[in-house]
Amino acid sequence: MKYTPGPWKMRPNGDMSSAPRGGKATQVCSISWGVSASEDKPGNARLIQCSPQLSEALDEMVLLVTTPTVSQAILGNAKLLPKAKQIIENAKIVLEAATGEQQAVWPRIDHAKPKLE
């Protein structure tokens, strides 16, 4: 996944920067808000700021549910399976949009991805 790592911060002027822990802040982008968007600005800014962390969290969730123990537990639970499939598919769709890369179909394991420790 290629993007500027977070956490991202936005200044009131719309400048977005990345300030990794212990690292130097770097400019990510500058956002221009329309006059009519003033009510939506704080919510949109928070969503943009947390997008790297959201993407990473979904990626970790997919890694977790593709581990053999977890995938077998989900597949073996008739009550859990339909909702779990829906959640995993939604995560897959979002990760594909965020990364531009096709994700493996669950419960298939993508051996190219790092494993959870």
C-alpha atoms as a PDB file:
ATOM      1  CA  MET A   1       0.000   0.000   0.000  1.00  0.00           C
ATOM      2  CA  LYS A   2       1.638   3.257  -1.067  1.00  0.00           C
ATOM      3  CA  TYR A   3       0.611   6.449   0.689  1.00  0.00           C
ATOM      4  CA  THR A   4       2.085   8.932   3.103  1.00  0.00           C
ATOM      5  CA  PRO A   5       1.988   7.323   6.551  1.00  0.00           C
ATOM      6  CA  GLY A   6      -0.010   8.936   9.322  1.00  0.00           C
ATOM      7  CA  PRO A   7      -0.916  10.387  11.578  1.00  0.00           C
ATOM      8  CA  TRP A   8      -2.115  13.212   9.351  1.00  0.00           C
ATOM      9  CA  LYS A   9      -2.945  16.640  10.700  1.00  0.00           C
ATOM     10  CA  MET A  10      -4.841  19.472   9.040  1.00  0.00           C
ATOM     11  CA  ARG A  11      -4.284  23.132   9.749  1.00  0.00           C
ATOM     12  CA  PRO A  12      -7.149  25.660   9.578  1.00  0.00           C
ATOM     13  CA  ASN A  13      -5.862  26.893   6.193  1.00  0.00           C
ATOM     14  CA  GLY A  14      -6.409  23.429   4.664  1.00  0.00           C
ATOM     15  CA  ASP A  15      -2.757  22.309   4.619  1.00  0.00           C
ATOM     16  CA  MET A  16      -2.510  18.612   5.412  1.00  0.00           C
ATOM     17  CA  SER A  17       0.747  17.213   6.776  1.00  0.00           C
ATOM     18  CA  SER A  18       2.040  13.892   8.007  1.00  0.00           C
ATOM     19  CA  ALA A  19       3.858  13.863  11.332  1.00  0.00           C
ATOM     20  CA  PRO A  20       5.051  10.316  12.037  1.00  0.00           C
ATOM     21  CA  ARG A  21       6.083   9.717  15.621  1.00  0.00           C
ATOM     22  CA  GLY A  22       9.628  10.942  16.043  1.00  0.00           C
ATOM     23  CA  GLY A  23       9.767  12.091  12.429  1.00  0.00           C
ATOM     24  CA  LYS A  24       9.754  15.412  10.659  1.00  0.00           C
ATOM     25  CA  ALA A  25       6.365  16.737   9.494  1.00  0.00           C
ATOM     26  CA  THR A  26       5.946  16.679   5.706  1.00  0.00           C
ATOM     27  CA  GLN A  27       3.284  18.291   3.526  1.00  0.00           C
ATOM     28  CA  VAL A  28       0.752  15.784   2.158  1.00  0.00           C
ATOM     29  CA  CYS A  29      -1.662  18.082   0.340  1.00  0.00           C
ATOM     30  CA  SER A  30      -3.659  21.285   0.590  1.00  0.00           C
ATOM     31  CA  ILE A  31      -7.432  21.167   0.635  1.00  0.00           C
ATOM     32  CA  SER A  32      -9.599  23.955  -0.662  1.00  0.00           C
ATOM     33  CA  TRP A  33     -13.039  24.140   0.917  1.00  0.00           C
ATOM     34  CA  GLY A  34     -16.010  25.731  -0.811  1.00  0.00           C
ATOM     35  CA  VAL A  35     -18.089  28.317   1.036  1.00  0.00           C
ATOM     36  CA  SER A  36     -21.071  25.953   1.226  1.00  0.00           C
ATOM     37  CA  ALA A  37     -18.891  23.213   2.718  1.00  0.00           C
ATOM     38  CA  SER A  38     -18.157  25.137   5.926  1.00  0.00           C
ATOM     39  CA  GLU A  39     -20.502  22.957   8.031  1.00  0.00           C
ATOM     40  CA  ASP A  40     -18.978  19.766   6.606  1.00  0.00           C
ATOM     41  CA  LYS A  41     -15.359  20.900   6.912  1.00  0.00           C
ATOM     42  CA  PRO A  42     -14.573  19.459  10.393  1.00  0.00           C
ATOM     43  CA  GLY A  43     -16.131  16.085   9.575  1.00  0.00           C
ATOM     44  CA  ASN A  44     -14.448  15.864   6.176  1.00  0.00           C
ATOM     45  CA  ALA A  45     -11.112  16.870   7.693  1.00  0.00           C
ATOM     46  CA  ARG A  46     -11.377  14.147  10.369  1.00  0.00           C
ATOM     47  CA  LEU A  47     -12.213  11.544   7.740  1.00  0.00           C
ATOM     48  CA  ILE A  48      -9.243  12.551   5.585  1.00  0.00           C
ATOM     49  CA  GLN A  49      -6.921  12.660   8.609  1.00  0.00           C
ATOM     50  CA  CYS A  50      -7.794   9.160   9.764  1.00  0.00           C
ATOM     51  CA  SER A  51      -7.878   7.486   6.326  1.00  0.00           C
ATOM     52  CA  PRO A  52      -4.346   6.011   6.609  1.00  0.00           C
ATOM     53  CA  GLN A  53      -5.185   4.479   9.987  1.00  0.00           C
ATOM     54  CA  LEU A  54      -8.551   3.196   8.722  1.00  0.00           C
ATOM     55  CA  SER A  55      -6.868   1.529   5.764  1.00  0.00           C
ATOM     56  CA  GLU A  56      -4.208  -0.042   7.989  1.00  0.00           C
ATOM     57  CA  ALA A  57      -6.847  -1.287  10.443  1.00  0.00           C
ATOM     58  CA  LEU A  58      -8.855  -2.921   7.645  1.00  0.00           C
ATOM     59  CA  ASP A  59      -5.699  -4.506   6.267  1.00  0.00           C
ATOM     60  CA  GLU A  60      -4.896  -5.952   9.707  1.00  0.00           C
ATOM     61  CA  MET A  61      -8.475  -7.217  10.055  1.00  0.00           C
ATOM     62  CA  VAL A  62      -8.210  -9.007   6.708  1.00  0.00           C
ATOM     63  CA  LEU A  63      -4.877 -10.524   7.751  1.00  0.00           C
ATOM     64  CA  LEU A  64      -6.506 -11.738  10.972  1.00  0.00           C
ATOM     65  CA  VAL A  65      -9.562 -13.323   9.328  1.00  0.00           C
ATOM     66  CA  THR A  66      -7.393 -15.122   6.764  1.00  0.00           C
ATOM     67  CA  THR A  67      -5.354 -16.920   9.410  1.00  0.00           C
ATOM     68  CA  PRO A  68      -6.350 -20.611   9.325  1.00  0.00           C
ATOM     69  CA  THR A  69      -7.615 -20.728  12.927  1.00  0.00           C
ATOM     70  CA  VAL A  70      -9.847 -17.670  12.581  1.00  0.00           C
ATOM     71  CA  SER A  71     -11.139 -18.477   9.098  1.00  0.00           C
ATOM     72  CA  GLN A  72     -12.033 -22.034  10.178  1.00  0.00           C
ATOM     73  CA  ALA A  73     -13.813 -20.711  13.288  1.00  0.00           C
ATOM     74  CA  ILE A  74     -15.870 -18.323  11.146  1.00  0.00           C
ATOM     75  CA  LEU A  75     -16.627 -20.946   8.490  1.00  0.00           C
ATOM     76  CA  GLY A  76     -17.697 -23.395  11.209  1.00  0.00           C
ATOM     77  CA  ASN A  77     -20.218 -21.034  12.819  1.00  0.00           C
ATOM     78  CA  ALA A  78     -23.480 -20.925  10.854  1.00  0.00           C
ATOM     79  CA  LYS A  79     -24.824 -17.957  12.849  1.00  0.00           C
ATOM     80  CA  LEU A  80     -21.655 -15.878  12.452  1.00  0.00           C
ATOM     81  CA  LEU A  81     -20.807 -16.744   8.840  1.00  0.00           C
ATOM     82  CA  PRO A  82     -23.312 -14.556   6.894  1.00  0.00           C
ATOM     83  CA  LYS A  83     -22.507 -11.364   8.825  1.00  0.00           C
ATOM     84  CA  ALA A  84     -18.765 -12.115   8.829  1.00  0.00           C
ATOM     85  CA  LYS A  85     -18.817 -12.590   5.044  1.00  0.00           C
ATOM     86  CA  GLN A  86     -20.586  -9.246   4.629  1.00  0.00           C
ATOM     87  CA  ILE A  87     -18.087  -7.425   6.881  1.00  0.00           C
ATOM     88  CA  ILE A  88     -15.093  -9.031   5.150  1.00  0.00           C
ATOM     89  CA  GLU A  89     -16.486  -8.202   1.698  1.00  0.00           C
ATOM     90  CA  ASN A  90     -17.039  -4.566   2.731  1.00  0.00           C
ATOM     91  CA  ALA A  91     -13.448  -4.380   4.001  1.00  0.00           C
ATOM     92  CA  LYS A  92     -12.234  -5.886   0.724  1.00  0.00           C
ATOM     93  CA  ILE A  93     -14.123  -3.275  -1.320  1.00  0.00           C
ATOM     94  CA  VAL A  94     -12.726  -0.395   0.743  1.00  0.00           C
ATOM     95  CA  LEU A  95      -9.157  -1.757   0.592  1.00  0.00           C
ATOM     96  CA  GLU A  96      -9.407  -2.177  -3.184  1.00  0.00           C
ATOM     97  CA  ALA A  97     -10.560   1.448  -3.495  1.00  0.00           C
ATOM     98  CA  ALA A  98      -7.831   2.689  -1.130  1.00  0.00           C
ATOM     99  CA  THR A  99      -4.938   0.697  -2.605  1.00  0.00           C
ATOM    100  CA  GLY A 100      -5.948   0.281  -6.245  1.00  0.00           C
ATOM    101  CA  GLU A 101      -5.075  -3.414  -5.853  1.00  0.00           C
ATOM    102  CA  GLN A 102      -7.381  -6.399  -6.091  1.00  0.00           C
ATOM    103  CA  GLN A 103      -7.770  -8.207  -2.770  1.00  0.00           C
ATOM    104  CA  ALA A 104      -7.908 -11.987  -2.361  1.00  0.00           C
ATOM    105  CA  VAL A 105     -11.335 -13.569  -2.020  1.00  0.00           C
ATOM    106  CA  TRP A 106     -11.877 -14.730   1.561  1.00  0.00           C
ATOM    107  CA  PRO A 107     -11.034 -17.258   2.998  1.00  0.00           C
ATOM    108  CA  ARG A 108      -8.163 -17.597   0.500  1.00  0.00           C
ATOM    109  CA  ILE A 109      -4.877 -16.544   2.049  1.00  0.00           C
ATOM    110  CA  ASP A 110      -2.622 -14.111   0.188  1.00  0.00           C
ATOM    111  CA  HIS A 111       0.810 -15.530   0.979  1.00  0.00           C
ATOM    112  CA  ALA A 112       2.518 -12.398  -0.380  1.00  0.00           C
ATOM    113  CA  LYS A 113       1.188 -10.359   2.547  1.00  0.00           C
ATOM    114  CA  PRO A 114       3.029 -10.280   5.880  1.00  0.00           C
ATOM    115  CA  LYS A 115       1.695 -12.582   8.546  1.00  0.00           C
ATOM    116  CA  LEU A 116       0.365 -11.554  11.923  1.00  0.00           C
ATOM    117  CA  GLU A 117       2.726 -12.342  14.786  1.00  0.00           C
END
